[in-house]
Amino acid sequence: MSITEDERLDRLLDADTIAVIGCSTTPGKAAHDVPAYLQQHGYHVIPVNPFADEVLGETAYDELAEVEADVDLVNVFRPSGEVPEVLGAVRERHAERGDAGAAWLQLGISHDEAAAEAEADGIEVVQDRCMKVEHGRLRG
């Protein structure tokens, strides 16, 4: 029996630790406000931003590979053209550490080929959806 897309999204929302690639220091930007919302709803948000030392009171990392904590889900705020590189880093981490089993590409971000490659390596991928919107819809 297959699960519905809403059931799949809801299961992914069970993540505890979310690495946010492209997490912004600028309030008002989705890449800041969505992680702030997630943090306010009990998620441990780990910012990945090579141009910041700290975002949302958390240490920022230059790249996903540097994150020491186990990561349940990687939330992506980077342009679609950067998705192959980003999902490549997720695939590498998943293969090496066994974590980062899901990647969530925010609204307007997608790359079917890179997503298919990640899924072939056992990583669940959500494309072109806002995690805040889906959390509010499914858990609000």
Protein backbone atom coordinates (compact mmCIF):
# COMPACT_ATOMS: atom_id res chain seq x y z
CA MET A 1 0.00 0.00 0.00
CA SER A 2 1.45 3.34 -0.98
CA ILE A 3 1.19 6.42 1.17
CA THR A 4 -0.23 9.72 -0.01
CA GLU A 5 1.97 12.75 -0.65
CA ASP A 6 0.53 14.42 2.46
CA GLU A 7 1.41 11.35 4.55
CA ARG A 8 4.95 11.44 3.15
CA LEU A 9 5.36 15.16 3.88
CA ASP A 10 3.94 14.72 7.38
CA ARG A 11 6.42 11.89 8.07
CA LEU A 12 9.31 14.09 6.91
CA LEU A 13 8.09 16.78 9.32
CA ASP A 14 8.94 14.34 12.14
CA ALA A 15 12.59 15.37 11.66
CA ASP A 16 14.30 16.81 14.74
CA THR A 17 17.47 18.34 13.30
CA ILE A 18 17.33 20.33 10.07
CA ALA A 19 20.40 21.68 8.30
CA VAL A 20 19.36 24.73 6.28
CA ILE A 21 21.56 25.34 3.26
CA GLY A 22 21.39 28.99 2.30
CA CYS A 23 19.97 30.07 5.66
CA SER A 24 19.89 33.88 5.58
CA THR A 25 20.78 36.43 8.25
CA THR A 26 18.22 38.86 6.77
CA PRO A 27 14.78 38.97 8.41
CA GLY A 28 12.04 39.22 5.81
CA LYS A 29 13.74 36.79 3.44
CA ALA A 30 12.14 33.37 3.21
CA ALA A 31 15.57 31.81 3.83
CA HIS A 32 15.53 33.50 7.26
CA ASP A 33 11.85 33.50 8.17
CA VAL A 34 11.14 29.84 7.33
CA PRO A 35 14.04 28.50 9.46
CA ALA A 36 13.00 30.90 12.26
CA TYR A 37 9.46 29.48 12.06
CA LEU A 38 10.82 25.93 12.20
CA GLN A 39 12.99 26.82 15.18
CA GLN A 40 9.95 28.32 16.94
CA HIS A 41 8.13 25.02 16.36
CA GLY A 42 10.76 22.94 18.14
CA TYR A 43 13.12 21.95 15.36
CA HIS A 44 16.88 22.18 15.88
CA VAL A 45 17.91 24.37 12.94
CA ILE A 46 21.54 24.28 11.85
CA PRO A 47 22.38 27.10 9.43
CA VAL A 48 24.73 26.43 6.52
CA ASN A 49 25.93 29.79 5.21
CA PRO A 50 29.60 30.45 4.42
CA PHE A 51 29.08 34.22 4.84
CA ALA A 52 27.80 34.10 8.44
CA ASP A 53 29.23 33.00 11.77
CA GLU A 54 25.81 32.72 13.40
CA VAL A 55 22.19 32.71 12.26
CA LEU A 56 19.14 32.51 14.54
CA GLY A 57 21.43 32.12 17.55
CA GLU A 58 23.05 28.98 16.10
CA THR A 59 26.59 28.52 14.82
CA ALA A 60 26.62 28.69 11.03
CA TYR A 61 28.70 26.24 9.02
CA ASP A 62 30.40 26.88 5.69
CA GLU A 63 29.20 23.60 4.22
CA LEU A 64 27.07 20.59 5.09
CA ALA A 65 30.11 18.33 5.54
CA GLU A 66 31.26 20.48 8.49
CA VAL A 67 28.06 20.01 10.52
CA GLU A 68 28.96 17.82 13.49
CA ALA A 69 25.47 16.94 14.70
CA ASP A 70 23.38 14.21 13.10
CA VAL A 71 21.08 15.75 10.50
CA ASP A 72 17.63 14.32 9.83
CA LEU A 73 16.67 16.56 6.93
CA VAL A 74 18.41 19.12 4.72
CA ASN A 75 16.29 22.16 3.82
CA VAL A 76 17.54 23.96 0.71
CA PHE A 77 17.33 27.68 -0.08
CA ARG A 78 19.64 27.82 -3.11
CA PRO A 79 18.84 28.41 -6.79
CA SER A 80 17.75 25.39 -8.84
CA GLY A 81 21.01 25.55 -10.79
CA GLU A 82 22.92 24.78 -7.58
CA VAL A 83 20.75 21.79 -6.65
CA PRO A 84 23.02 19.13 -8.25
CA GLU A 85 25.95 20.35 -6.14
CA VAL A 86 23.82 20.64 -2.98
CA LEU A 87 22.22 17.22 -3.40
CA GLY A 88 25.68 15.83 -4.19
CA ALA A 89 26.79 17.01 -0.75
CA VAL A 90 23.68 15.45 0.81
CA ARG A 91 24.36 12.15 -0.99
CA GLU A 92 27.99 12.18 0.14
CA ARG A 93 27.03 12.84 3.75
CA HIS A 94 24.31 10.18 3.66
CA ALA A 95 26.78 7.62 2.28
CA GLU A 96 29.47 8.49 4.83
CA ARG A 97 27.44 9.10 7.98
CA GLY A 98 24.07 7.45 7.34
CA ASP A 99 22.15 10.59 8.29
CA ALA A 100 20.65 13.30 6.04
CA GLY A 101 18.10 10.88 4.66
CA ALA A 102 15.85 13.59 3.29
CA ALA A 103 16.22 16.83 1.34
CA TRP A 104 13.51 19.48 1.08
CA LEU A 105 13.86 21.97 -1.78
CA GLN A 106 11.91 25.11 -0.99
CA LEU A 107 9.24 26.73 -3.16
CA GLY A 108 10.51 27.51 -6.64
CA ILE A 109 13.53 25.19 -6.32
CA SER A 110 13.70 21.94 -8.27
CA HIS A 111 16.01 19.76 -10.33
CA ASP A 112 14.45 16.48 -11.44
CA GLU A 113 17.68 14.77 -12.52
CA ALA A 114 19.58 15.58 -9.31
CA ALA A 115 16.52 14.59 -7.24
CA ALA A 116 16.29 11.23 -9.04
CA GLU A 117 20.00 10.57 -8.39
CA ALA A 118 19.56 11.39 -4.69
CA GLU A 119 16.48 9.17 -4.45
CA ALA A 120 18.42 6.33 -6.11
CA ASP A 121 20.87 6.67 -3.19
CA GLY A 122 18.05 6.33 -0.65
CA ILE A 123 17.39 10.02 0.07
CA GLU A 124 13.81 11.24 0.05
CA VAL A 125 13.47 14.49 -1.90
CA VAL A 126 10.70 17.08 -1.80
CA GLN A 127 10.84 19.72 -4.53
CA ASP A 128 9.18 23.10 -4.98
CA ARG A 129 7.34 23.18 -1.65
CA CYS A 130 7.62 25.48 1.34
CA MET A 131 8.33 23.62 4.56
CA LYS A 132 6.64 26.35 6.63
CA VAL A 133 3.47 26.22 4.51
CA GLU A 134 3.32 22.41 4.63
CA HIS A 135 4.01 22.36 8.38
CA GLY A 136 1.21 24.88 8.97
CA ARG A 137 -1.17 22.98 6.71
CA LEU A 138 -0.44 19.50 8.05
CA ARG A 139 0.40 20.25 11.69
CA GLY A 140 -1.24 23.60 12.35
